[in-house]
Protein backbone atom coordinates (compact mmCIF):
# COMPACT_ATOMS: atom_id res chain seq x y z
CA PRO A 1 25.07 7.27 14.81
CA ASN A 2 23.89 5.87 11.43
CA LYS A 3 23.83 8.84 8.96
CA ARG A 4 21.49 8.44 6.18
CA SER A 5 21.63 10.27 2.79
CA ASP A 6 18.63 12.23 1.57
CA ALA A 7 18.54 10.13 -1.46
CA SER A 8 18.16 7.02 0.75
CA VAL A 9 15.52 8.36 2.93
CA ILE A 10 13.63 9.85 -0.15
CA GLY A 11 13.81 6.48 -1.79
CA PHE A 12 12.56 4.70 1.22
CA LEU A 13 9.68 7.18 2.07
CA ALA A 14 8.52 7.19 -1.84
CA PHE A 15 8.57 3.31 -1.63
CA VAL A 16 6.36 3.13 1.37
CA SER A 17 4.24 5.82 -0.19
CA MET A 18 3.80 3.83 -3.38
CA MET A 19 2.57 1.03 -1.09
CA GLY A 20 -0.64 2.98 -0.60
CA ALA A 21 -0.88 3.85 -4.27
CA PHE A 22 -0.39 0.12 -5.22
CA GLY A 23 -3.36 -1.00 -3.25
CA VAL A 24 -5.65 1.12 -5.11
CA ASP A 25 -4.00 1.68 -8.57
CA ALA A 26 -3.04 -1.90 -9.23
CA SER A 27 -6.64 -3.03 -8.81
CA LEU A 28 -8.23 -0.80 -11.30
CA PRO A 29 -7.25 -2.56 -14.52
CA ALA A 30 -8.11 -6.15 -12.89
CA PHE A 31 -11.76 -5.50 -12.12
CA ASP A 32 -12.99 -7.17 -15.21
CA GLU A 33 -10.92 -10.26 -14.36
CA ILE A 34 -11.77 -10.23 -10.60
CA ARG A 35 -15.47 -9.99 -11.01
CA PRO A 36 -16.10 -13.62 -12.26
CA ASP A 37 -13.66 -15.12 -9.98
CA VAL A 38 -15.48 -13.62 -6.77
CA GLY A 39 -19.03 -14.36 -8.05
CA LEU A 40 -19.90 -10.96 -9.57
CA SER A 41 -21.59 -10.71 -12.84
CA ALA A 42 -19.96 -8.97 -15.79
CA GLY A 43 -20.12 -5.22 -15.35
CA SER A 44 -21.11 -5.25 -11.62
CA ASN A 45 -20.34 -2.15 -9.97
CA ARG A 46 -20.13 -3.88 -6.60
CA ILE A 47 -16.39 -4.58 -7.53
CA THR A 48 -15.67 -0.97 -6.76
CA LEU A 49 -16.43 -1.65 -2.89
CA MET A 50 -12.96 -3.42 -2.87
CA ILE A 51 -11.48 0.14 -3.25
CA THR A 52 -13.85 1.70 -0.76
CA VAL A 53 -13.06 -0.89 1.98
CA TYR A 54 -9.36 -0.68 1.42
CA LEU A 55 -9.48 3.06 1.67
CA PHE A 56 -11.64 2.77 4.81
CA GLY A 57 -9.13 0.22 6.31
CA THR A 58 -6.34 2.55 5.56
CA ALA A 59 -8.09 5.47 7.23
CA VAL A 60 -8.88 3.36 10.39
CA GLY A 61 -5.24 2.02 10.37
CA GLN A 62 -3.73 5.39 10.44
CA LEU A 63 -5.83 6.30 13.62
CA PHE A 64 -3.96 3.53 15.56
CA CYS A 65 -0.44 3.74 13.82
CA GLY A 66 0.31 7.39 15.00
CA PRO A 67 -0.24 6.67 18.69
CA PHE A 68 1.20 3.26 18.48
CA ALA A 69 4.40 4.73 16.53
CA ASP A 70 4.62 7.25 19.27
CA ARG A 71 4.74 4.44 22.00
CA PHE A 72 6.64 1.66 20.26
CA GLY A 73 8.69 3.42 17.66
CA ARG A 74 8.40 3.92 14.05
CA ALA A 75 10.19 0.86 12.65
CA PRO A 76 8.26 -1.88 14.67
CA VAL A 77 5.00 -0.18 13.83
CA LEU A 78 5.85 0.18 10.18
CA ARG A 79 6.90 -3.58 10.20
CA THR A 80 3.85 -4.76 11.85
CA GLY A 81 1.55 -2.68 9.45
CA LEU A 82 3.44 -4.00 6.37
CA ALA A 83 3.00 -7.78 7.77
CA VAL A 84 -0.66 -6.96 8.29
CA ALA A 85 -0.87 -5.60 4.82
CA ALA A 86 0.86 -8.68 3.57
CA LEU A 87 -1.63 -10.78 5.37
CA GLY A 88 -4.48 -8.83 3.60
CA ILE A 89 -2.83 -9.35 0.28
CA VAL A 90 -2.45 -13.12 0.67
CA GLY A 91 -6.40 -13.18 1.51
CA THR A 92 -6.90 -11.08 -1.52
CA ILE A 93 -4.92 -13.28 -3.60
CA SER A 94 -6.86 -16.34 -2.31
CA ALA A 95 -10.14 -15.02 -2.41
CA GLN A 96 -12.76 -17.34 -3.86
CA ASN A 97 -15.72 -15.06 -3.14
CA PHE A 98 -16.76 -11.43 -2.84
CA SER A 99 -17.03 -11.51 0.93
CA VAL A 100 -13.49 -12.85 1.38
CA LEU A 101 -12.37 -10.45 -1.08
CA LEU A 102 -13.69 -7.37 0.78
CA ILE A 103 -12.52 -8.57 4.21
CA SER A 104 -8.99 -9.09 2.80
CA ARG A 105 -9.01 -5.84 1.37
CA LEU A 106 -10.05 -4.42 4.75
CA VAL A 107 -7.17 -5.99 6.47
CA TRP A 108 -4.88 -4.77 3.70
CA GLY A 109 -5.97 -1.37 4.16
CA LEU A 110 -5.52 -1.48 7.94
CA GLY A 111 -2.03 -2.70 7.64
CA ASN A 112 -1.32 0.11 4.91
CA GLY A 113 -2.31 2.54 7.40
CA ALA A 114 1.32 2.53 8.74
CA PRO A 115 3.15 3.24 5.72
CA SER A 116 0.62 5.96 4.76
CA ASN A 117 1.10 7.57 8.25
CA MET A 118 4.88 7.03 8.47
CA ARG A 119 5.73 8.94 5.48
CA ALA A 120 5.37 12.34 7.15
CA THR A 121 6.19 11.06 10.48
CA ILE A 122 9.78 9.76 9.56
CA ALA A 123 10.32 13.06 7.52
CA ARG A 124 9.46 15.03 10.48
CA ASP A 125 11.64 13.04 12.73
CA LEU A 126 14.87 13.22 10.64
CA TYR A 127 14.57 16.77 9.26
CA LEU A 128 13.57 20.29 10.25
CA GLY A 129 12.28 23.46 8.49
CA ASP A 130 13.10 23.96 4.68
CA HIS A 131 15.29 20.70 4.61
CA MET A 132 12.18 18.76 5.62
CA ALA A 133 9.97 20.59 3.08
CA ARG A 134 12.40 19.73 0.23
CA VAL A 135 12.63 15.91 1.39
CA VAL A 136 8.72 15.81 1.56
CA SER A 137 8.21 17.50 -1.65
CA ARG A 138 10.53 15.12 -3.43
CA VAL A 139 8.81 12.07 -1.95
CA MET A 140 5.49 13.48 -3.09
CA GLY A 141 7.02 13.89 -6.45
CA PHE A 142 7.77 10.18 -6.54
CA PHE A 143 4.50 9.35 -4.95
CA LEU A 144 2.65 11.05 -7.51
CA LEU A 145 4.13 8.71 -10.33
CA GLY A 146 2.47 5.96 -8.55
CA PRO A 147 -0.99 6.42 -10.23
CA ILE A 148 0.71 6.72 -13.60
CA VAL A 149 3.28 3.65 -13.46
CA VAL A 150 1.24 1.34 -11.02
CA PRO A 151 -1.75 0.76 -13.48
CA LEU A 152 0.62 0.34 -16.38
CA VAL A 153 2.51 -2.32 -14.57
CA ALA A 154 -0.65 -4.15 -13.50
CA GLU A 155 -1.95 -3.97 -17.04
CA GLY A 156 1.36 -5.45 -18.28
CA ILE A 157 0.98 -8.28 -15.66
CA LEU A 158 -2.61 -9.04 -16.73
CA ALA A 159 -1.40 -9.27 -20.51
CA PHE A 160 0.25 -12.62 -19.61
CA GLY A 161 -1.17 -13.42 -16.17
CA SER A 162 -4.11 -13.55 -13.73
CA TRP A 163 -5.19 -10.82 -11.59
CA ARG A 164 -3.80 -12.79 -8.50
CA LEU A 165 -0.34 -12.39 -9.97
CA VAL A 166 -0.92 -8.39 -9.94
CA PHE A 167 -1.28 -8.84 -6.03
CA VAL A 168 1.58 -11.21 -5.81
CA LEU A 169 3.63 -8.06 -6.72
CA GLY A 170 2.03 -6.37 -4.03
CA LEU A 171 3.02 -9.10 -1.65
CA ALA A 172 6.62 -8.92 -2.89
CA LEU A 173 6.63 -5.08 -2.36
CA ALA A 174 5.22 -5.49 1.32
CA THR A 175 7.92 -8.06 1.99
CA ALA A 176 10.60 -5.75 0.53
CA GLY A 177 9.30 -2.88 2.41
CA VAL A 178 9.61 -5.10 5.94
CA ALA A 179 13.39 -5.98 4.98
CA TRP A 180 14.18 -2.48 3.89
CA SER A 181 12.83 -0.92 7.21
């Protein structure tokens, strides 16, 4: 059997946890740049719908990922979810209007339901009792760094590039997640 170190499991689970944070936190610094590119006026609050739609998609995606993961296995569902998220990211990157942006964010969120759901599921599959609690608490510690680090990275990218480049990083992360899984 393939023995995994706690560090490798924590690293992987923290990584897939950050995928969810990335979808929200990387968007926030880019609102001002996104608005004119998708046909919204400066200062329009409608841009926040891209967060709402993404979170709605993630919630709905989680409803399906749990039963599918029990039926088909964790890895195939995680990979499929990340591939769907990547499809949504590509749509987000290429969006020329607000409707396409929202649909793409919904698709991204639906796919992101898998990594959001798998974090606890995989930990429960691999560990029991106090050991599981320690692993999950460490994963959550890294996850909580996401809302701090991701907007800083996004802001750094925006300093020299387009908002679309921020989401190219998200596409790279989704691809890395598929490969790592």
